[in-house]
């Protein structure tokens, strides 16, 4: 018995993969894969399948995949959907982890195209910082994560 077939049988025992005539039903845990990730994976499949997403209970979602091509292999289609879930989970995780870096790069690009925007933004940020320091009630709202745009772009 091939390793792939063994993996399919193990998945079927856990009831996360079920086949019928012309469809495959996948079970997805929404705490592992957020809804946005599931929607993105489903969207990526729209050219090859019809997708239906339903809630089974608070810890399980069902994703029904109906291939547009009747000759499509259901096992492959189901496993490809799980691969897309992993792909989009990685994408969204990386996007979140690199958000600050992307923001800085976009600001540098924008400010190099229009230097007057940099001066405006820097003076506004300085004014807000002075205001927050002069008002002790607002001083608690200044977080340690707050890194000056002016300081980052001066490096």
Protein backbone atom coordinates (compact mmCIF):
# COMPACT_ATOMS: atom_id res chain seq x y z
CA UNK A 1 0.00 0.00 0.00
CA UNK A 2 1.43 3.40 -0.96
CA UNK A 3 2.24 6.05 1.63
CA UNK A 4 -0.25 8.43 0.03
CA UNK A 5 -3.09 5.92 0.21
CA UNK A 6 -2.18 5.17 3.84
CA UNK A 7 -2.32 8.89 4.59
CA UNK A 8 -5.77 9.12 2.95
CA UNK A 9 -7.06 6.23 5.04
CA UNK A 10 -5.72 7.83 8.22
CA UNK A 11 -7.38 11.12 7.30
CA UNK A 12 -10.64 9.33 6.61
CA UNK A 13 -10.56 7.70 10.05
CA UNK A 14 -10.25 11.14 11.63
CA UNK A 15 -13.29 12.18 9.59
CA UNK A 16 -11.63 15.15 7.96
CA UNK A 17 -11.90 13.73 4.47
CA UNK A 18 -14.99 12.06 3.00
CA UNK A 19 -15.77 11.20 -0.62
CA UNK A 20 -19.05 10.71 -2.38
CA UNK A 21 -20.11 10.44 -6.00
CA UNK A 22 -18.90 13.67 -7.58
CA UNK A 23 -17.92 15.44 -4.35
CA UNK A 24 -15.45 15.47 -1.51
CA UNK A 25 -16.22 16.80 1.96
CA UNK A 26 -13.35 18.22 3.97
CA UNK A 27 -13.45 19.05 7.65
CA UNK A 28 -11.49 22.10 8.75
CA UNK A 29 -10.78 23.36 12.25
CA UNK A 30 -11.42 27.15 12.29
CA UNK A 31 -9.08 27.63 15.25
CA UNK A 32 -6.21 26.29 13.15
CA UNK A 33 -7.28 27.93 9.88
CA UNK A 34 -9.10 31.25 10.30
CA UNK A 35 -12.15 31.91 8.14
CA UNK A 36 -10.22 34.34 5.93
CA UNK A 37 -7.74 31.57 5.14
CA UNK A 38 -10.54 29.12 4.31
CA UNK A 39 -12.23 31.71 2.06
CA UNK A 40 -8.94 32.42 0.28
CA UNK A 41 -8.30 28.73 -0.36
CA UNK A 42 -11.85 28.34 -1.64
CA UNK A 43 -11.45 31.36 -3.90
CA UNK A 44 -8.26 29.84 -5.36
CA UNK A 45 -10.32 26.76 -6.28
CA UNK A 46 -13.14 28.55 -8.08
CA UNK A 47 -11.71 27.79 -11.51
CA UNK A 48 -11.65 24.03 -10.88
CA UNK A 49 -14.48 23.39 -8.42
CA UNK A 50 -17.66 24.63 -6.82
CA UNK A 51 -17.14 25.27 -3.12
CA UNK A 52 -19.68 25.18 -0.31
CA UNK A 53 -18.67 26.02 3.27
CA UNK A 54 -20.87 25.10 6.23
CA UNK A 55 -20.49 25.08 10.00
CA UNK A 56 -20.70 21.64 11.63
CA UNK A 57 -20.16 22.85 15.20
CA UNK A 58 -18.02 25.39 17.06
CA UNK A 59 -14.83 23.44 16.38
CA UNK A 60 -15.44 22.18 12.82
CA UNK A 61 -16.34 23.56 9.42
CA UNK A 62 -17.29 21.45 6.43
CA UNK A 63 -15.97 22.38 3.01
CA UNK A 64 -17.77 20.64 0.17
CA UNK A 65 -15.82 20.53 -3.08
CA UNK A 66 -17.67 19.67 -6.30
CA UNK A 67 -15.23 19.40 -9.24
CA UNK A 68 -16.20 21.16 -12.47
CA UNK A 69 -14.33 18.51 -14.43
CA UNK A 70 -16.14 15.21 -13.83
CA UNK A 71 -12.89 13.31 -14.55
CA UNK A 72 -11.02 15.03 -11.72
CA UNK A 73 -9.61 12.80 -9.01
CA UNK A 74 -11.45 13.61 -5.80
CA UNK A 75 -8.59 12.56 -3.51
CA UNK A 76 -6.19 14.89 -5.29
CA UNK A 77 -8.70 17.72 -5.29
CA UNK A 78 -9.31 17.35 -1.55
CA UNK A 79 -5.62 17.20 -0.70
CA UNK A 80 -4.93 20.18 -3.00
CA UNK A 81 -7.50 22.16 -1.02
CA UNK A 82 -5.67 21.33 2.21
CA UNK A 83 -2.43 22.46 0.55
CA UNK A 84 -4.08 25.76 -0.37
CA UNK A 85 -5.17 26.18 3.24
CA UNK A 86 -1.58 25.78 4.36
CA UNK A 87 -0.39 28.13 1.61
CA UNK A 88 -2.76 30.92 2.63
CA UNK A 89 -2.16 30.36 6.35
CA UNK A 90 1.55 30.87 5.70
CA UNK A 91 0.86 33.91 3.52
CA UNK A 92 -1.31 35.65 6.12
CA UNK A 93 1.12 34.80 8.93
CA UNK A 94 4.06 36.20 6.95
CA UNK A 95 2.08 39.26 5.98
CA UNK A 96 1.27 39.97 9.63
CA UNK A 97 4.86 39.35 10.74
CA UNK A 98 6.26 41.67 8.07
CA UNK A 99 3.61 44.41 8.28
CA UNK A 100 5.90 46.92 10.01
CA UNK A 101 8.70 46.36 7.50
CA UNK A 102 6.30 46.72 4.56
CA UNK A 103 4.92 49.92 6.07
CA UNK A 104 8.41 51.41 6.39
CA UNK A 105 9.28 50.45 2.81
CA UNK A 106 6.07 51.99 1.49
CA UNK A 107 6.66 55.17 3.50
CA UNK A 108 10.21 55.48 2.20
CA UNK A 109 9.00 55.03 -1.36
CA UNK A 110 6.24 57.57 -0.87
CA UNK A 111 8.49 60.07 0.88
CA UNK A 112 11.21 59.76 -1.76
CA UNK A 113 8.63 60.57 -4.44
CA UNK A 114 7.22 63.54 -2.47
CA UNK A 115 9.67 64.81 0.20
CA UNK A 116 7.17 67.40 1.42
CA UNK A 117 5.01 64.53 2.75
CA UNK A 118 7.90 63.43 4.95
CA UNK A 119 8.26 66.88 6.48
CA UNK A 120 4.51 67.06 7.08
CA UNK A 121 4.34 63.61 8.66
CA UNK A 122 7.41 64.18 10.83
CA UNK A 123 6.14 67.51 12.16
CA UNK A 124 2.69 66.01 12.87
CA UNK A 125 4.28 63.11 14.73
CA UNK A 126 6.50 65.47 16.74
CA UNK A 127 3.46 67.59 17.66
CA UNK A 128 1.53 64.50 18.79
CA UNK A 129 4.49 63.27 20.85
CA UNK A 130 4.94 66.67 22.53
CA UNK A 131 1.21 66.83 23.26
CA UNK A 132 1.21 63.33 24.78
CA UNK A 133 4.26 64.12 26.92
CA UNK A 134 2.84 67.41 28.15
CA UNK A 135 -0.47 65.81 29.11
CA UNK A 136 0.18 63.23 31.89
CA UNK A 137 -3.20 61.53 31.30
CA UNK A 138 -2.33 60.78 27.69
CA UNK A 139 1.23 59.79 28.55
CA UNK A 140 0.08 56.29 29.52
CA UNK A 141 -1.23 55.75 25.99
CA UNK A 142 2.24 56.02 24.47
CA UNK A 143 3.33 52.42 24.03
CA UNK A 144 6.86 51.05 23.91
CA UNK A 145 6.07 49.75 20.42
CA UNK A 146 5.61 53.31 19.19
CA UNK A 147 8.63 53.92 17.01
CA UNK A 148 8.97 57.28 15.42
CA UNK A 149 8.56 57.43 11.68
CA UNK A 150 11.07 60.24 11.76
CA UNK A 151 13.63 58.13 13.63
CA UNK A 152 13.22 55.11 11.31
CA UNK A 153 13.60 57.12 8.14
CA UNK A 154 16.64 59.01 9.43
CA UNK A 155 18.70 55.78 9.80
